[in-house]
Amino acid sequence: SLASRIFDNFSKLQVLNLQWNRISGKIPSSLFKCKELTYLSMYNNALEGSIPREIENLTSLEDLYLDYNNLK
């Protein structure tokens, strides 16, 4: 799993590819502080729970891949 504050200091991050890493648990809330993120792939992991509403804060996001997880 990813630590809840892992993305706290990545406000300028634009591309994040974490596919096929067997990451479990919930999507860390600190991810939604990455306001410049344009590409996010967490495809094929073991993420679970709901997709947080805070995903709406990623207004620059163009590509999102969350397939093949246990998300609701």
N, C-alpha and C. Protein backbone atom coordinates (compact mmCIF):
# COMPACT_ATOMS: atom_id res chain seq x y z
N SER A 1 0.84 -1.19 0.00
CA SER A 1 0.00 0.00 0.00
C SER A 1 0.88 1.25 0.00
N LEU A 2 0.29 2.36 -0.35
CA LEU A 2 1.01 3.63 -0.38
C LEU A 2 0.70 4.42 0.89
N ALA A 3 1.71 5.06 1.45
CA ALA A 3 1.50 5.89 2.64
C ALA A 3 0.54 7.03 2.31
N SER A 4 -0.28 7.40 3.26
CA SER A 4 -1.33 8.40 2.99
C SER A 4 -0.78 9.76 2.59
N ARG A 5 0.44 10.09 3.00
CA ARG A 5 1.00 11.42 2.71
C ARG A 5 2.12 11.37 1.67
N ILE A 6 2.22 10.28 0.95
CA ILE A 6 3.33 10.07 0.02
C ILE A 6 3.45 11.17 -1.04
N PHE A 7 2.34 11.78 -1.44
CA PHE A 7 2.37 12.78 -2.51
C PHE A 7 2.33 14.21 -2.00
N ASP A 8 2.50 14.42 -0.71
CA ASP A 8 2.40 15.76 -0.13
C ASP A 8 3.32 16.79 -0.77
N ASN A 9 4.49 16.40 -1.21
CA ASN A 9 5.48 17.34 -1.74
C ASN A 9 5.66 17.24 -3.25
N PHE A 10 4.63 16.78 -3.95
CA PHE A 10 4.71 16.61 -5.40
C PHE A 10 3.68 17.46 -6.12
N SER A 11 3.52 18.69 -5.72
CA SER A 11 2.48 19.56 -6.29
C SER A 11 2.69 19.83 -7.78
N LYS A 12 3.90 19.68 -8.29
CA LYS A 12 4.19 19.94 -9.71
C LYS A 12 4.19 18.68 -10.57
N LEU A 13 3.91 17.54 -9.96
CA LEU A 13 3.91 16.26 -10.67
C LEU A 13 2.89 16.30 -11.81
N GLN A 14 3.31 15.86 -13.00
CA GLN A 14 2.43 15.88 -14.17
C GLN A 14 2.04 14.49 -14.65
N VAL A 15 2.94 13.52 -14.51
CA VAL A 15 2.68 12.17 -14.99
C VAL A 15 3.00 11.18 -13.88
N LEU A 16 2.06 10.27 -13.63
CA LEU A 16 2.26 9.24 -12.62
C LEU A 16 1.78 7.90 -13.17
N ASN A 17 2.70 6.97 -13.32
CA ASN A 17 2.39 5.65 -13.83
C ASN A 17 2.77 4.62 -12.77
N LEU A 18 1.78 4.06 -12.11
CA LEU A 18 2.00 3.05 -11.08
C LEU A 18 1.28 1.75 -11.43
N GLN A 19 1.16 1.47 -12.72
CA GLN A 19 0.44 0.26 -13.12
C GLN A 19 1.26 -1.00 -12.88
N TRP A 20 0.56 -2.11 -12.65
CA TRP A 20 1.16 -3.43 -12.44
C TRP A 20 2.16 -3.46 -11.28
N ASN A 21 1.81 -2.86 -10.15
CA ASN A 21 2.72 -2.83 -9.00
C ASN A 21 2.19 -3.54 -7.77
N ARG A 22 1.04 -4.18 -7.88
CA ARG A 22 0.44 -4.90 -6.74
C ARG A 22 0.19 -3.98 -5.54
N ILE A 23 -0.13 -2.74 -5.81
CA ILE A 23 -0.42 -1.78 -4.74
C ILE A 23 -1.80 -2.10 -4.19
N SER A 24 -1.88 -2.20 -2.87
CA SER A 24 -3.16 -2.51 -2.24
C SER A 24 -3.61 -1.33 -1.38
N GLY A 25 -4.82 -1.42 -0.88
CA GLY A 25 -5.36 -0.38 -0.02
C GLY A 25 -6.11 0.67 -0.81
N LYS A 26 -6.30 1.82 -0.18
CA LYS A 26 -7.05 2.91 -0.80
C LYS A 26 -6.13 3.86 -1.55
N ILE A 27 -6.71 4.63 -2.44
CA ILE A 27 -5.95 5.68 -3.13
C ILE A 27 -5.61 6.75 -2.09
N PRO A 28 -4.33 7.10 -1.92
CA PRO A 28 -3.95 8.08 -0.90
C PRO A 28 -4.55 9.46 -1.18
N SER A 29 -5.08 10.09 -0.15
CA SER A 29 -5.71 11.40 -0.31
C SER A 29 -4.70 12.46 -0.76
N SER A 30 -3.43 12.28 -0.42
CA SER A 30 -2.42 13.27 -0.82
C SER A 30 -2.25 13.34 -2.34
N LEU A 31 -2.68 12.32 -3.06
CA LEU A 31 -2.59 12.32 -4.52
C LEU A 31 -3.37 13.50 -5.11
N PHE A 32 -4.42 13.90 -4.44
CA PHE A 32 -5.29 14.95 -4.97
C PHE A 32 -4.73 16.35 -4.74
N LYS A 33 -3.53 16.44 -4.19
CA LYS A 33 -2.81 17.71 -4.07
C LYS A 33 -1.94 17.96 -5.30
N CYS A 34 -1.84 16.99 -6.16
CA CYS A 34 -1.02 17.08 -7.39
C CYS A 34 -1.85 17.77 -8.47
N LYS A 35 -2.04 19.05 -8.34
CA LYS A 35 -2.95 19.82 -9.19
C LYS A 35 -2.54 19.87 -10.66
N GLU A 36 -1.27 19.61 -10.96
CA GLU A 36 -0.80 19.68 -12.35
C GLU A 36 -0.77 18.32 -13.03
N LEU A 37 -1.28 17.31 -12.36
CA LEU A 37 -1.29 15.95 -12.91
C LEU A 37 -2.15 15.89 -14.16
N THR A 38 -1.55 15.43 -15.26
CA THR A 38 -2.29 15.28 -16.52
C THR A 38 -2.53 13.82 -16.87
N TYR A 39 -1.69 12.92 -16.34
CA TYR A 39 -1.78 11.49 -16.65
C TYR A 39 -1.64 10.70 -15.35
N LEU A 40 -2.62 9.85 -15.08
CA LEU A 40 -2.58 9.00 -13.89
C LEU A 40 -2.97 7.59 -14.28
N SER A 41 -2.06 6.65 -14.08
CA SER A 41 -2.36 5.25 -14.33
C SER A 41 -2.00 4.43 -13.10
N MET A 42 -3.02 3.85 -12.50
CA MET A 42 -2.84 2.91 -11.39
C MET A 42 -3.51 1.59 -11.79
N TYR A 43 -3.46 1.32 -13.06
CA TYR A 43 -4.06 0.16 -13.70
C TYR A 43 -3.50 -1.14 -13.13
N ASN A 44 -4.36 -2.12 -12.93
CA ASN A 44 -3.99 -3.48 -12.54
C ASN A 44 -3.16 -3.54 -11.26
N ASN A 45 -3.75 -3.09 -10.18
CA ASN A 45 -3.18 -3.22 -8.85
C ASN A 45 -4.22 -3.92 -7.98
N ALA A 46 -4.18 -3.70 -6.70
CA ALA A 46 -5.16 -4.29 -5.78
C ALA A 46 -5.81 -3.18 -4.96
N LEU A 47 -6.00 -2.02 -5.58
CA LEU A 47 -6.63 -0.90 -4.89
C LEU A 47 -8.08 -1.25 -4.58
N GLU A 48 -8.57 -0.74 -3.45
CA GLU A 48 -9.94 -1.06 -3.05
C GLU A 48 -10.63 0.16 -2.45
N GLY A 49 -11.92 0.02 -2.27
CA GLY A 49 -12.71 1.12 -1.72
C GLY A 49 -13.33 1.94 -2.84
N SER A 50 -13.79 3.11 -2.47
CA SER A 50 -14.42 4.01 -3.44
C SER A 50 -13.39 4.93 -4.07
N ILE A 51 -13.68 5.38 -5.27
CA ILE A 51 -12.86 6.42 -5.89
C ILE A 51 -13.23 7.72 -5.19
N PRO A 52 -12.30 8.36 -4.51
CA PRO A 52 -12.61 9.56 -3.73
C PRO A 52 -13.15 10.70 -4.59
N ARG A 53 -14.09 11.45 -4.04
CA ARG A 53 -14.66 12.60 -4.74
C ARG A 53 -13.60 13.66 -5.03
N GLU A 54 -12.53 13.67 -4.25
CA GLU A 54 -11.45 14.64 -4.43
C GLU A 54 -10.78 14.52 -5.79
N ILE A 55 -11.06 13.44 -6.50
CA ILE A 55 -10.48 13.28 -7.84
C ILE A 55 -10.91 14.45 -8.72
N GLU A 56 -12.03 15.07 -8.38
CA GLU A 56 -12.50 16.25 -9.12
C GLU A 56 -11.54 17.43 -9.00
N ASN A 57 -10.67 17.41 -8.00
CA ASN A 57 -9.68 18.48 -7.81
C ASN A 57 -8.57 18.43 -8.84
N LEU A 58 -8.44 17.31 -9.53
CA LEU A 58 -7.38 17.15 -10.54
C LEU A 58 -7.89 17.71 -11.87
N THR A 59 -8.02 19.00 -11.94
CA THR A 59 -8.64 19.66 -13.10
C THR A 59 -7.78 19.62 -14.36
N SER A 60 -6.50 19.31 -14.24
CA SER A 60 -5.62 19.21 -15.41
C SER A 60 -5.57 17.79 -15.96
N LEU A 61 -6.19 16.85 -15.26
CA LEU A 61 -6.13 15.44 -15.63
C LEU A 61 -6.78 15.19 -16.99
N GLU A 62 -6.02 14.59 -17.90
CA GLU A 62 -6.52 14.25 -19.23
C GLU A 62 -6.69 12.75 -19.41
N ASP A 63 -5.82 11.96 -18.79
CA ASP A 63 -5.87 10.50 -18.92
C ASP A 63 -5.90 9.87 -17.54
N LEU A 64 -6.88 8.99 -17.32
CA LEU A 64 -7.05 8.32 -16.04
C LEU A 64 -7.30 6.84 -16.29
N TYR A 65 -6.47 5.99 -15.69
CA TYR A 65 -6.59 4.55 -15.85
C TYR A 65 -6.59 3.88 -14.48
N LEU A 66 -7.75 3.40 -14.07
CA LEU A 66 -7.90 2.73 -12.78
C LEU A 66 -8.48 1.32 -12.96
N ASP A 67 -8.49 0.83 -14.18
CA ASP A 67 -9.05 -0.48 -14.49
C ASP A 67 -8.35 -1.59 -13.71
N TYR A 68 -9.06 -2.70 -13.55
CA TYR A 68 -8.52 -3.91 -12.94
C TYR A 68 -7.99 -3.69 -11.53
N ASN A 69 -8.81 -3.06 -10.72
CA ASN A 69 -8.62 -2.91 -9.29
C ASN A 69 -9.92 -3.36 -8.64
N ASN A 70 -10.04 -3.17 -7.36
CA ASN A 70 -11.27 -3.51 -6.64
C ASN A 70 -11.96 -2.24 -6.18
N LEU A 71 -12.03 -1.26 -7.07
CA LEU A 71 -12.63 0.04 -6.74
C LEU A 71 -14.12 0.03 -7.05
N LYS A 72 -14.84 0.84 -6.30
CA LYS A 72 -16.29 0.98 -6.51
C LYS A 72 -16.61 2.27 -7.22
